[in-house]
Amino acid sequence: MIASRSHHRLVRKLQDALGETVCSALEDPSVVEIMLNPDGRLFVERLGQGIDSMGQLQPGAAEIIIGSVAHALQTEADEDQPIISGELPIGGHRFEGLLPPVVRAPSFTIRKRASRLIPLDDYVRSAIMTSEQSHMIRKAIEARLNIVISGGTGSGKTTLANAVIAEMVRSSPEHRLVILEDTAEIQCAAENAVSLHTTDTVDMARLLKSTMRLRPDRIIVGEVRDGAALTLLKAWNTGHPGGITTIHANNALSALRRLEQLTAEASQQPMHEVIGEAVDLVVSIERAPQGRRVREVIHVEAFRDGNYQTETYSGERRFDDA
């Protein structure tokens, strides 16, 4: 009861500091990100509309916001710890806050947690992906292939991952899903699912090792960003097919190269063959001036003769990379 009242006071304090403008943006389903620059200017990004200015925020209010989030995360925000990353107490949105001396004045970004699940059919209707690309993703899900979704920041990787996971649940409702994340963003309606989150003392590699004892049918990782990628690939290769993860990369082949870089953090041995065996499908999504679109879907067959053997489904034509 005391903890509940304390959390309520924290949320009220945070709402007061955020102000009506930011709180309204957090409640707007079209908003995907809110950004405060050190000069006090606020910007907002809306789906399909790009980035617009939405006013000012005083440095004192920004410092209170960052301090409140730090308090909710049971840490401190000061000159010695000027970077705060975690979930906003309001809505579980992803928060990144910066204080001097790493910036001239308090600054932060809030990446909103996806509030609406967009089915794959809607991606086709909105011309974000082609019907052929959608068909390939569905076939991969049914065949329990491992899927990597790649894209840049704000490209919609997690939103697309949620759509793919919804198809997994529809296709195989009996499967047990184990979901691993740094920040809670994955939406999963499966009846048999376990969600795990990293902490300051438990990293993704440790969670993945624990996952092996949880009897997963499918392993889902919100995003791979370090040497834990090798642990995931090995898990996919040893009796746990049909998983999905996201990765920061500009295109599908770059995603495979990025996996090479991440696995190199955990092993001095090249992991091309492991990647070629574990990754079956790479879906590349990008944020273009006209909106988000799936750039390509590639099927990875293997790594042979110094190259990844792939087949690409661009939506316009299909071809092999030798």
C-alpha atoms as a PDB file:
ATOM      1  CA  MET A   1       0.000   0.000   0.000  1.00  0.00           C
ATOM      2  CA  ILE A   2       2.820   2.388   0.919  1.00  0.00           C
ATOM      3  CA  ALA A   3       4.705   1.469  -2.253  1.00  0.00           C
ATOM      4  CA  SER A   4       1.559   2.116  -4.293  1.00  0.00           C
ATOM      5  CA  ARG A   5       1.124   5.587  -2.804  1.00  0.00           C
ATOM      6  CA  SER A   6       4.803   6.344  -3.373  1.00  0.00           C
ATOM      7  CA  HIS A   7       4.540   5.307  -7.037  1.00  0.00           C
ATOM      8  CA  HIS A   8       1.389   7.425  -7.441  1.00  0.00           C
ATOM      9  CA  ARG A   9       3.197  10.471  -6.021  1.00  0.00           C
ATOM     10  CA  LEU A  10       6.136   9.817  -8.343  1.00  0.00           C
ATOM     11  CA  VAL A  11       3.842   9.624 -11.381  1.00  0.00           C
ATOM     12  CA  ARG A  12       2.044  12.841 -10.370  1.00  0.00           C
ATOM     13  CA  LYS A  13       5.367  14.630  -9.901  1.00  0.00           C
ATOM     14  CA  LEU A  14       6.530  13.393 -13.287  1.00  0.00           C
ATOM     15  CA  GLN A  15       3.283  14.446 -14.994  1.00  0.00           C
ATOM     16  CA  ASP A  16       3.572  17.933 -13.461  1.00  0.00           C
ATOM     17  CA  ALA A  17       7.152  18.229 -14.721  1.00  0.00           C
ATOM     18  CA  LEU A  18       6.314  16.932 -18.202  1.00  0.00           C
ATOM     19  CA  GLY A  19       3.529  19.458 -18.553  1.00  0.00           C
ATOM     20  CA  GLU A  20       0.317  19.319 -20.518  1.00  0.00           C
ATOM     21  CA  THR A  21       2.002  19.401 -23.950  1.00  0.00           C
ATOM     22  CA  VAL A  22       4.238  16.370 -23.395  1.00  0.00           C
ATOM     23  CA  CYS A  23       1.573  14.408 -21.518  1.00  0.00           C
ATOM     24  CA  SER A  24      -0.864  14.990 -24.391  1.00  0.00           C
ATOM     25  CA  ALA A  25       1.760  13.752 -26.842  1.00  0.00           C
ATOM     26  CA  LEU A  26       2.244  10.605 -24.751  1.00  0.00           C
ATOM     27  CA  GLU A  27      -1.490   9.933 -24.991  1.00  0.00           C
ATOM     28  CA  ASP A  28      -1.613  10.589 -28.753  1.00  0.00           C
ATOM     29  CA  PRO A  29      -1.546   7.204 -30.561  1.00  0.00           C
ATOM     30  CA  SER A  30       0.042   8.782 -33.646  1.00  0.00           C
ATOM     31  CA  VAL A  31       3.125   9.938 -31.707  1.00  0.00           C
ATOM     32  CA  VAL A  32       6.128   7.611 -31.801  1.00  0.00           C
ATOM     33  CA  GLU A  33       8.866   9.757 -30.244  1.00  0.00           C
ATOM     34  CA  ILE A  34       9.312  12.927 -28.182  1.00  0.00           C
ATOM     35  CA  MET A  35      12.676  14.721 -28.163  1.00  0.00           C
ATOM     36  CA  LEU A  36      14.023  17.542 -25.988  1.00  0.00           C
ATOM     37  CA  ASN A  37      17.173  19.280 -27.179  1.00  0.00           C
ATOM     38  CA  PRO A  38      19.606  21.047 -24.796  1.00  0.00           C
ATOM     39  CA  ASP A  39      18.325  24.421 -26.023  1.00  0.00           C
ATOM     40  CA  GLY A  40      14.902  23.584 -24.565  1.00  0.00           C
ATOM     41  CA  ARG A  41      13.159  22.986 -27.881  1.00  0.00           C
ATOM     42  CA  LEU A  42      10.731  20.069 -27.968  1.00  0.00           C
ATOM     43  CA  PHE A  43      10.149  17.972 -31.065  1.00  0.00           C
ATOM     44  CA  VAL A  44       7.679  15.189 -31.782  1.00  0.00           C
ATOM     45  CA  GLU A  45       7.597  12.520 -34.461  1.00  0.00           C
ATOM     46  CA  ARG A  46       4.242  11.213 -35.666  1.00  0.00           C
ATOM     47  CA  LEU A  47       3.590   8.169 -37.804  1.00  0.00           C
ATOM     48  CA  GLY A  48       3.725   9.126 -41.468  1.00  0.00           C
ATOM     49  CA  GLN A  49       4.188  12.843 -40.699  1.00  0.00           C
ATOM     50  CA  GLY A  50       7.854  13.232 -39.815  1.00  0.00           C
ATOM     51  CA  ILE A  51       9.231  15.462 -37.057  1.00  0.00           C
ATOM     52  CA  ASP A  52       7.619  18.729 -35.934  1.00  0.00           C
ATOM     53  CA  SER A  53       8.376  21.314 -33.257  1.00  0.00           C
ATOM     54  CA  MET A  54       5.990  21.371 -30.307  1.00  0.00           C
ATOM     55  CA  GLY A  55       7.220  24.141 -28.038  1.00  0.00           C
ATOM     56  CA  GLN A  56       9.719  24.648 -25.231  1.00  0.00           C
ATOM     57  CA  LEU A  57      10.596  23.039 -21.889  1.00  0.00           C
ATOM     58  CA  GLN A  58      12.541  24.832 -19.175  1.00  0.00           C
ATOM     59  CA  PRO A  59      15.851  23.275 -18.025  1.00  0.00           C
ATOM     60  CA  GLY A  60      14.577  23.017 -14.448  1.00  0.00           C
ATOM     61  CA  ALA A  61      11.548  21.001 -15.524  1.00  0.00           C
ATOM     62  CA  ALA A  62      13.727  18.749 -17.701  1.00  0.00           C
ATOM     63  CA  GLU A  63      16.052  18.107 -14.753  1.00  0.00           C
ATOM     64  CA  ILE A  64      13.079  17.170 -12.548  1.00  0.00           C
ATOM     65  CA  ILE A  65      11.853  14.749 -15.232  1.00  0.00           C
ATOM     66  CA  ILE A  66      15.247  13.043 -15.500  1.00  0.00           C
ATOM     67  CA  GLY A  67      15.589  12.942 -11.700  1.00  0.00           C
ATOM     68  CA  SER A  68      12.111  11.422 -11.314  1.00  0.00           C
ATOM     69  CA  VAL A  69      12.878   8.707 -13.866  1.00  0.00           C
ATOM     70  CA  ALA A  70      16.191   7.989 -12.129  1.00  0.00           C
ATOM     71  CA  HIS A  71      14.348   7.691  -8.802  1.00  0.00           C
ATOM     72  CA  ALA A  72      11.855   5.272 -10.358  1.00  0.00           C
ATOM     73  CA  LEU A  73      14.791   3.201 -11.642  1.00  0.00           C
ATOM     74  CA  GLN A  74      16.288   3.248  -8.129  1.00  0.00           C
ATOM     75  CA  THR A  75      19.389   5.104  -9.233  1.00  0.00           C
ATOM     76  CA  GLU A  76      20.765   8.647  -9.188  1.00  0.00           C
ATOM     77  CA  ALA A  77      21.153  11.286 -11.877  1.00  0.00           C
ATOM     78  CA  ASP A  78      23.994  13.741 -11.301  1.00  0.00           C
ATOM     79  CA  GLU A  79      27.352  14.849 -12.700  1.00  0.00           C
ATOM     80  CA  ASP A  80      28.884  11.467 -11.895  1.00  0.00           C
ATOM     81  CA  GLN A  81      25.958   9.577 -13.482  1.00  0.00           C
ATOM     82  CA  PRO A  82      24.712  11.944 -16.199  1.00  0.00           C
ATOM     83  CA  ILE A  83      23.060   9.300 -18.432  1.00  0.00           C
ATOM     84  CA  ILE A  84      19.796   7.628 -17.448  1.00  0.00           C
ATOM     85  CA  SER A  85      18.277   4.839 -19.554  1.00  0.00           C
ATOM     86  CA  GLY A  86      15.180   2.831 -18.791  1.00  0.00           C
ATOM     87  CA  GLU A  87      11.412   2.685 -18.796  1.00  0.00           C
ATOM     88  CA  LEU A  88       9.306   5.736 -18.051  1.00  0.00           C
ATOM     89  CA  PRO A  89       7.021   5.114 -15.035  1.00  0.00           C
ATOM     90  CA  ILE A  90       4.172   6.379 -17.215  1.00  0.00           C
ATOM     91  CA  GLY A  91       3.234   3.837 -19.877  1.00  0.00           C
ATOM     92  CA  GLY A  92       6.529   1.944 -19.854  1.00  0.00           C
ATOM     93  CA  HIS A  93       7.918   4.085 -22.696  1.00  0.00           C
ATOM     94  CA  ARG A  94      11.668   3.978 -23.397  1.00  0.00           C
ATOM     95  CA  PHE A  95      13.496   6.917 -21.838  1.00  0.00           C
ATOM     96  CA  GLU A  96      17.004   8.244 -22.418  1.00  0.00           C
ATOM     97  CA  GLY A  97      18.008  11.267 -20.320  1.00  0.00           C
ATOM     98  CA  LEU A  98      21.233  13.279 -20.399  1.00  0.00           C
ATOM     99  CA  LEU A  99      22.584  15.821 -17.910  1.00  0.00           C
ATOM    100  CA  PRO A 100      25.652  18.079 -17.930  1.00  0.00           C
ATOM    101  CA  PRO A 101      28.568  17.646 -18.407  1.00  0.00           C
ATOM    102  CA  VAL A 102      27.784  15.319 -21.363  1.00  0.00           C
ATOM    103  CA  VAL A 103      25.333  17.951 -22.701  1.00  0.00           C
ATOM    104  CA  ARG A 104      25.098  21.702 -22.252  1.00  0.00           C
ATOM    105  CA  ALA A 105      21.675  21.454 -20.584  1.00  0.00           C
ATOM    106  CA  PRO A 106      19.257  18.620 -19.692  1.00  0.00           C
ATOM    107  CA  SER A 107      18.083  16.655 -22.734  1.00  0.00           C
ATOM    108  CA  PHE A 108      16.007  13.535 -23.256  1.00  0.00           C
ATOM    109  CA  THR A 109      14.116  11.374 -25.736  1.00  0.00           C
ATOM    110  CA  ILE A 110      11.011   9.287 -25.104  1.00  0.00           C
ATOM    111  CA  ARG A 111      10.397   6.438 -27.543  1.00  0.00           C
ATOM    112  CA  LYS A 112       6.768   5.474 -27.075  1.00  0.00           C
ATOM    113  CA  ARG A 113       5.880   1.880 -26.485  1.00  0.00           C
ATOM    114  CA  ALA A 114       3.763   0.521 -29.317  1.00  0.00           C
ATOM    115  CA  SER A 115       0.135   0.890 -28.246  1.00  0.00           C
ATOM    116  CA  ARG A 116      -1.549  -0.677 -31.264  1.00  0.00           C
ATOM    117  CA  LEU A 117      -0.776  -3.961 -32.931  1.00  0.00           C
ATOM    118  CA  ILE A 118      -0.592  -3.616 -36.722  1.00  0.00           C
ATOM    119  CA  PRO A 119      -1.417  -6.920 -38.487  1.00  0.00           C
ATOM    120  CA  LEU A 120       0.675  -8.010 -41.464  1.00  0.00           C
ATOM    121  CA  ASP A 121      -2.383  -7.554 -43.694  1.00  0.00           C
ATOM    122  CA  ASP A 122      -2.387  -3.855 -42.777  1.00  0.00           C
ATOM    123  CA  TYR A 123       1.265  -3.593 -43.820  1.00  0.00           C
ATOM    124  CA  VAL A 124       0.235  -4.836 -47.262  1.00  0.00           C
ATOM    125  CA  ARG A 125      -2.842  -2.592 -47.458  1.00  0.00           C
ATOM    126  CA  SER A 126      -0.719   0.422 -46.491  1.00  0.00           C
ATOM    127  CA  ALA A 127       1.892  -0.498 -49.122  1.00  0.00           C
ATOM    128  CA  ILE A 128       4.581  -0.845 -46.435  1.00  0.00           C
ATOM    129  CA  MET A 129       5.271  -4.348 -47.725  1.00  0.00           C
ATOM    130  CA  THR A 130       4.177  -6.314 -50.765  1.00  0.00           C
ATOM    131  CA  SER A 131       1.891  -9.328 -50.705  1.00  0.00           C
ATOM    132  CA  GLU A 132       4.827 -11.501 -51.777  1.00  0.00           C
ATOM    133  CA  GLN A 133       6.926 -10.281 -48.843  1.00  0.00           C
ATOM    134  CA  SER A 134       4.033 -10.914 -46.466  1.00  0.00           C
ATOM    135  CA  HIS A 135       3.614 -14.398 -47.922  1.00  0.00           C
ATOM    136  CA  MET A 136       7.308 -15.190 -47.410  1.00  0.00           C
ATOM    137  CA  ILE A 137       7.165 -14.057 -43.760  1.00  0.00           C
ATOM    138  CA  ARG A 138       4.096 -16.208 -43.114  1.00  0.00           C
ATOM    139  CA  LYS A 139       5.711 -19.238 -44.754  1.00  0.00           C
ATOM    140  CA  ALA A 140       8.824 -18.694 -42.622  1.00  0.00           C
ATOM    141  CA  ILE A 141       6.710 -18.597 -39.472  1.00  0.00           C
ATOM    142  CA  GLU A 142       4.901 -21.809 -40.388  1.00  0.00           C
ATOM    143  CA  ALA A 143       8.215 -23.525 -41.180  1.00  0.00           C
ATOM    144  CA  ARG A 144       9.700 -22.324 -37.870  1.00  0.00           C
ATOM    145  CA  LEU A 145      12.491 -20.383 -39.565  1.00  0.00           C
ATOM    146  CA  ASN A 146      14.542 -17.885 -37.568  1.00  0.00           C
ATOM    147  CA  ILE A 147      13.780 -14.278 -38.498  1.00  0.00           C
ATOM    148  CA  VAL A 148      15.924 -11.160 -38.068  1.00  0.00           C
ATOM    149  CA  ILE A 149      14.274  -7.757 -38.595  1.00  0.00           C
ATOM    150  CA  SER A 150      16.766  -5.034 -39.466  1.00  0.00           C
ATOM    151  CA  GLY A 151      16.458  -1.284 -39.801  1.00  0.00           C
ATOM    152  CA  GLY A 152      17.676   2.051 -38.579  1.00  0.00           C
ATOM    153  CA  THR A 153      16.523   3.989 -35.536  1.00  0.00           C
ATOM    154  CA  GLY A 154      12.802   4.735 -35.719  1.00  0.00           C
ATOM    155  CA  SER A 155      12.268   2.519 -38.761  1.00  0.00           C
ATOM    156  CA  GLY A 156       9.588   0.443 -37.045  1.00  0.00           C
ATOM    157  CA  LYS A 157      11.532  -2.750 -36.287  1.00  0.00           C
ATOM    158  CA  THR A 158       9.752  -3.501 -33.005  1.00  0.00           C
ATOM    159  CA  THR A 159       6.304  -2.710 -34.421  1.00  0.00           C
ATOM    160  CA  LEU A 160       6.948  -5.120 -37.281  1.00  0.00           C
ATOM    161  CA  ALA A 161       8.322  -7.708 -34.843  1.00  0.00           C
ATOM    162  CA  ASN A 162       5.060  -7.472 -32.892  1.00  0.00           C
ATOM    163  CA  ALA A 163       3.121  -8.156 -36.093  1.00  0.00           C
ATOM    164  CA  VAL A 164       5.291 -11.206 -36.821  1.00  0.00           C
ATOM    165  CA  ILE A 165       4.890 -12.484 -33.245  1.00  0.00           C
ATOM    166  CA  ALA A 166       1.099 -12.144 -33.577  1.00  0.00           C
ATOM    167  CA  GLU A 167       1.324 -14.374 -36.657  1.00  0.00           C
ATOM    168  CA  MET A 168       3.429 -16.860 -34.672  1.00  0.00           C
ATOM    169  CA  VAL A 169       0.760 -17.051 -31.987  1.00  0.00           C
ATOM    170  CA  ARG A 170      -1.985 -17.457 -34.574  1.00  0.00           C
ATOM    171  CA  SER A 171      -0.030 -20.122 -36.472  1.00  0.00           C
ATOM    172  CA  SER A 172       1.163 -22.115 -33.423  1.00  0.00           C
ATOM    173  CA  PRO A 173      -0.959 -21.240 -30.369  1.00  0.00           C
ATOM    174  CA  GLU A 174       0.390 -24.267 -28.501  1.00  0.00           C
ATOM    175  CA  HIS A 175       3.994 -23.015 -28.571  1.00  0.00           C
ATOM    176  CA  ARG A 176       5.719 -21.717 -25.447  1.00  0.00           C
ATOM    177  CA  LEU A 177       7.377 -18.358 -26.134  1.00  0.00           C
ATOM    178  CA  VAL A 178      10.220 -16.928 -24.064  1.00  0.00           C
ATOM    179  CA  ILE A 179      10.727 -13.204 -24.639  1.00  0.00           C
ATOM    180  CA  LEU A 180      13.903 -11.351 -23.634  1.00  0.00           C
ATOM    181  CA  GLU A 181      14.160  -7.544 -23.654  1.00  0.00           C
ATOM    182  CA  ASP A 182      16.128  -4.627 -22.290  1.00  0.00           C
ATOM    183  CA  THR A 183      12.991  -2.465 -22.331  1.00  0.00           C
ATOM    184  CA  ALA A 184       9.450  -3.853 -22.415  1.00  0.00           C
ATOM    185  CA  GLU A 185       8.247  -3.253 -25.985  1.00  0.00           C
ATOM    186  CA  ILE A 186       7.215  -6.652 -27.284  1.00  0.00           C
ATOM    187  CA  GLN A 187       3.482  -7.368 -27.393  1.00  0.00           C
ATOM    188  CA  CYS A 188       2.535 -11.023 -27.142  1.00  0.00           C
ATOM    189  CA  ALA A 189      -0.935 -12.523 -26.730  1.00  0.00           C
ATOM    190  CA  ALA A 190       0.284 -16.116 -26.383  1.00  0.00           C
ATOM    191  CA  GLU A 191      -1.284 -18.067 -23.531  1.00  0.00           C
ATOM    192  CA  ASN A 192       2.055 -19.736 -22.769  1.00  0.00           C
ATOM    193  CA  ALA A 193       4.682 -16.994 -22.686  1.00  0.00           C
ATOM    194  CA  VAL A 194       7.408 -15.842 -20.301  1.00  0.00           C
ATOM    195  CA  SER A 195       8.891 -12.325 -20.465  1.00  0.00           C
ATOM    196  CA  LEU A 196      12.370 -11.651 -19.076  1.00  0.00           C
ATOM    197  CA  HIS A 197      14.091  -8.267 -18.724  1.00  0.00           C
ATOM    198  CA  THR A 198      17.720  -7.317 -18.259  1.00  0.00           C
ATOM    199  CA  THR A 199      18.829  -5.375 -15.192  1.00  0.00           C
ATOM    200  CA  ASP A 200      21.990  -3.583 -14.136  1.00  0.00           C
ATOM    201  CA  THR A 201      23.311  -6.915 -12.852  1.00  0.00           C
ATOM    202  CA  VAL A 202      21.711  -9.416 -15.273  1.00  0.00           C
ATOM    203  CA  ASP A 203      22.635  -8.933 -18.923  1.00  0.00           C
ATOM    204  CA  MET A 204      21.157 -10.445 -22.073  1.00  0.00           C
ATOM    205  CA  ALA A 205      23.743 -13.247 -22.263  1.00  0.00           C
ATOM    206  CA  ARG A 206      22.822 -14.378 -18.752  1.00  0.00           C
ATOM    207  CA  LEU A 207      19.112 -14.289 -19.574  1.00  0.00           C
ATOM    208  CA  LEU A 208      19.694 -16.369 -22.686  1.00  0.00           C
ATOM    209  CA  LYS A 209      21.530 -19.024 -20.693  1.00  0.00           C
ATOM    210  CA  SER A 210      18.627 -19.140 -18.226  1.00  0.00           C
ATOM    211  CA  THR A 211      16.174 -19.376 -21.121  1.00  0.00           C
ATOM    212  CA  MET A 212      17.543 -22.806 -22.044  1.00  0.00           C
ATOM    213  CA  ARG A 213      16.098 -24.137 -18.775  1.00  0.00           C
ATOM    214  CA  LEU A 214      12.638 -22.658 -19.375  1.00  0.00           C
ATOM    215  CA  ARG A 215      11.693 -25.094 -22.145  1.00  0.00           C
ATOM    216  CA  PRO A 216      11.046 -22.571 -24.920  1.00  0.00           C
ATOM    217  CA  ASP A 217       9.554 -23.540 -28.263  1.00  0.00           C
ATOM    218  CA  ARG A 218      10.465 -20.153 -29.691  1.00  0.00           C
ATOM    219  CA  ILE A 219      13.020 -17.629 -28.378  1.00  0.00           C
ATOM    220  CA  ILE A 220      12.289 -13.948 -28.996  1.00  0.00           C
ATOM    221  CA  VAL A 221      14.877 -11.236 -28.280  1.00  0.00           C
ATOM    222  CA  GLY A 222      13.744  -7.625 -28.547  1.00  0.00           C
ATOM    223  CA  GLU A 223      17.094  -6.468 -29.931  1.00  0.00           C
ATOM    224  CA  VAL A 224      20.609  -7.899 -30.181  1.00  0.00           C
ATOM    225  CA  ARG A 225      23.287  -5.307 -29.625  1.00  0.00           C
ATOM    226  CA  ASP A 226      26.321  -7.082 -28.118  1.00  0.00           C
ATOM    227  CA  GLY A 227      28.112 -10.412 -27.831  1.00  0.00           C
ATOM    228  CA  ALA A 228      24.914 -12.051 -26.576  1.00  0.00           C
ATOM    229  CA  ALA A 229      24.078 -12.422 -30.281  1.00  0.00           C
ATOM    230  CA  LEU A 230      26.333 -15.498 -30.357  1.00  0.00           C
ATOM    231  CA  THR A 231      24.423 -17.116 -27.481  1.00  0.00           C
ATOM    232  CA  LEU A 232      21.148 -16.496 -29.321  1.00  0.00           C
ATOM    233  CA  LEU A 233      22.440 -17.960 -32.589  1.00  0.00           C
ATOM    234  CA  LYS A 234      23.664 -21.068 -30.775  1.00  0.00           C
ATOM    235  CA  ALA A 235      20.276 -21.432 -29.072  1.00  0.00           C
ATOM    236  CA  TRP A 236      18.505 -21.191 -32.432  1.00  0.00           C
ATOM    237  CA  ASN A 237      20.908 -23.811 -33.805  1.00  0.00           C
ATOM    238  CA  THR A 238      20.397 -26.294 -30.964  1.00  0.00           C
ATOM    239  CA  GLY A 239      16.766 -27.282 -30.975  1.00  0.00           C
ATOM    240  CA  HIS A 240      14.966 -23.945 -30.565  1.00  0.00           C
ATOM    241  CA  PRO A 241      14.041 -22.830 -34.111  1.00  0.00           C
ATOM    242  CA  GLY A 242      11.398 -20.322 -35.070  1.00  0.00           C
ATOM    243  CA  GLY A 243      12.677 -17.317 -33.131  1.00  0.00           C
ATOM    244  CA  ILE A 244      12.837 -13.643 -33.950  1.00  0.00           C
ATOM    245  CA  THR A 245      15.032 -10.678 -33.052  1.00  0.00           C
ATOM    246  CA  THR A 246      15.754  -7.158 -34.309  1.00  0.00           C
ATOM    247  CA  ILE A 247      19.061  -5.508 -35.136  1.00  0.00           C
ATOM    248  CA  HIS A 248      20.271  -2.060 -36.177  1.00  0.00           C
ATOM    249  CA  ALA A 249      21.408  -2.242 -39.818  1.00  0.00           C
ATOM    250  CA  ASN A 250      20.675  -0.325 -43.003  1.00  0.00           C
ATOM    251  CA  ASN A 251      19.824  -3.353 -45.164  1.00  0.00           C
ATOM    252  CA  ALA A 252      19.504  -7.122 -45.005  1.00  0.00           C
ATOM    253  CA  LEU A 253      23.098  -8.010 -45.907  1.00  0.00           C
ATOM    254  CA  SER A 254      24.353  -5.344 -43.508  1.00  0.00           C
ATOM    255  CA  ALA A 255      22.367  -7.121 -40.790  1.00  0.00           C
ATOM    256  CA  LEU A 256      24.427 -10.273 -41.395  1.00  0.00           C
ATOM    257  CA  ARG A 257      27.641  -8.233 -41.275  1.00  0.00           C
ATOM    258  CA  ARG A 258      26.453  -6.602 -38.078  1.00  0.00           C
ATOM    259  CA  LEU A 259      25.884 -10.050 -36.563  1.00  0.00           C
ATOM    260  CA  GLU A 260      29.478 -10.872 -37.481  1.00  0.00           C
ATOM    261  CA  GLN A 261      30.650  -7.811 -35.545  1.00  0.00           C
ATOM    262  CA  LEU A 262      28.520  -8.633 -32.507  1.00  0.00           C
ATOM    263  CA  THR A 263      29.576 -12.283 -32.347  1.00  0.00           C
ATOM    264  CA  ALA A 264      33.209 -11.137 -32.588  1.00  0.00           C
ATOM    265  CA  GLU A 265      32.711  -9.493 -29.190  1.00  0.00           C
ATOM    266  CA  ALA A 266      32.238 -12.965 -27.688  1.00  0.00           C
ATOM    267  CA  SER A 267      34.525 -15.112 -29.831  1.00  0.00           C
ATOM    268  CA  GLN A 268      37.798 -14.683 -31.692  1.00  0.00           C
ATOM    269  CA  GLN A 269      36.698 -17.302 -34.214  1.00  0.00           C
ATOM    270  CA  PRO A 270      34.744 -16.102 -37.278  1.00  0.00           C
ATOM    271  CA  MET A 271      31.092 -17.066 -36.995  1.00  0.00           C
ATOM    272  CA  HIS A 272      30.029 -16.840 -40.645  1.00  0.00           C
ATOM    273  CA  GLU A 273      28.916 -20.476 -40.778  1.00  0.00           C
ATOM    274  CA  VAL A 274      27.015 -20.198 -37.496  1.00  0.00           C
ATOM    275  CA  ILE A 275      25.198 -17.112 -38.767  1.00  0.00           C
ATOM    276  CA  GLY A 276      24.485 -18.734 -42.129  1.00  0.00           C
ATOM    277  CA  GLU A 277      23.032 -21.772 -40.388  1.00  0.00           C
ATOM    278  CA  ALA A 278      21.044 -19.981 -37.674  1.00  0.00           C
ATOM    279  CA  VAL A 279      19.536 -17.049 -39.596  1.00  0.00           C
ATOM    280  CA  ASP A 280      16.922 -18.074 -42.152  1.00  0.00           C
ATOM    281  CA  LEU A 281      15.106 -14.852 -43.044  1.00  0.00           C
ATOM    282  CA  VAL A 282      16.141 -11.192 -42.815  1.00  0.00           C
ATOM    283  CA  VAL A 283      13.440  -8.541 -43.162  1.00  0.00           C
ATOM    284  CA  SER A 284      14.803  -5.050 -43.788  1.00  0.00           C
ATOM    285  CA  ILE A 285      12.516  -2.111 -42.998  1.00  0.00           C
ATOM    286  CA  GLU A 286      13.388   1.544 -43.512  1.00  0.00           C
ATOM    287  CA  ARG A 287      11.996   4.986 -42.838  1.00  0.00           C
ATOM    288  CA  ALA A 288      11.778   6.760 -46.197  1.00  0.00           C
ATOM    289  CA  PRO A 289      10.462  10.291 -46.938  1.00  0.00           C
ATOM    290  CA  GLN A 290       7.148   8.800 -48.051  1.00  0.00           C
ATOM    291  CA  GLY A 291       6.907   6.679 -44.892  1.00  0.00           C
ATOM    292  CA  ARG A 292       8.066   3.294 -43.644  1.00  0.00           C
ATOM    293  CA  ARG A 293       8.506   0.448 -46.088  1.00  0.00           C
ATOM    294  CA  VAL A 294       9.952  -3.058 -46.124  1.00  0.00           C
ATOM    295  CA  ARG A 295      12.956  -2.658 -48.367  1.00  0.00           C
ATOM    296  CA  GLU A 296      13.655  -6.360 -48.889  1.00  0.00           C
ATOM    297  CA  VAL A 297      13.212  -9.833 -47.477  1.00  0.00           C
ATOM    298  CA  ILE A 298      16.090 -12.251 -47.969  1.00  0.00           C
ATOM    299  CA  HIS A 299      16.203 -15.976 -47.362  1.00  0.00           C
ATOM    300  CA  VAL A 300      19.635 -17.053 -46.088  1.00  0.00           C
ATOM    301  CA  GLU A 301      20.504 -20.542 -47.318  1.00  0.00           C
ATOM    302  CA  ALA A 302      24.062 -20.888 -45.992  1.00  0.00           C
ATOM    303  CA  PHE A 303      27.544 -19.377 -45.918  1.00  0.00           C
ATOM    304  CA  ARG A 304      29.702 -20.925 -48.643  1.00  0.00           C
ATOM    305  CA  ASP A 305      32.790 -19.926 -50.630  1.00  0.00           C
ATOM    306  CA  GLY A 306      33.196 -16.718 -48.642  1.00  0.00           C
ATOM    307  CA  ASN A 307      29.649 -15.423 -49.221  1.00  0.00           C
ATOM    308  CA  TYR A 308      26.176 -15.725 -47.786  1.00  0.00           C
ATOM    309  CA  GLN A 309      23.975 -17.640 -50.221  1.00  0.00           C
ATOM    310  CA  THR A 310      20.716 -15.704 -50.290  1.00  0.00           C
ATOM    311  CA  GLU A 311      17.505 -15.294 -52.224  1.00  0.00           C
ATOM    312  CA  THR A 312      15.917 -11.857 -52.175  1.00  0.00           C
ATOM    313  CA  TYR A 313      12.238 -10.915 -52.288  1.00  0.00           C
ATOM    314  CA  SER A 314      12.135  -7.200 -53.024  1.00  0.00           C
ATOM    315  CA  GLY A 315       8.490  -7.175 -54.033  1.00  0.00           C
ATOM    316  CA  GLU A 316       9.366  -6.211 -57.607  1.00  0.00           C
ATOM    317  CA  ARG A 317      11.624  -9.086 -58.623  1.00  0.00           C
ATOM    318  CA  ARG A 318      13.381 -12.056 -57.114  1.00  0.00           C
ATOM    319  CA  PHE A 319      16.978 -13.061 -57.645  1.00  0.00           C
ATOM    320  CA  ASP A 320      19.839 -15.094 -56.168  1.00  0.00           C
ATOM    321  CA  ASP A 321      23.071 -13.761 -54.694  1.00  0.00           C
ATOM    322  CA  ALA A 322      25.848 -16.214 -55.467  1.00  0.00           C
END
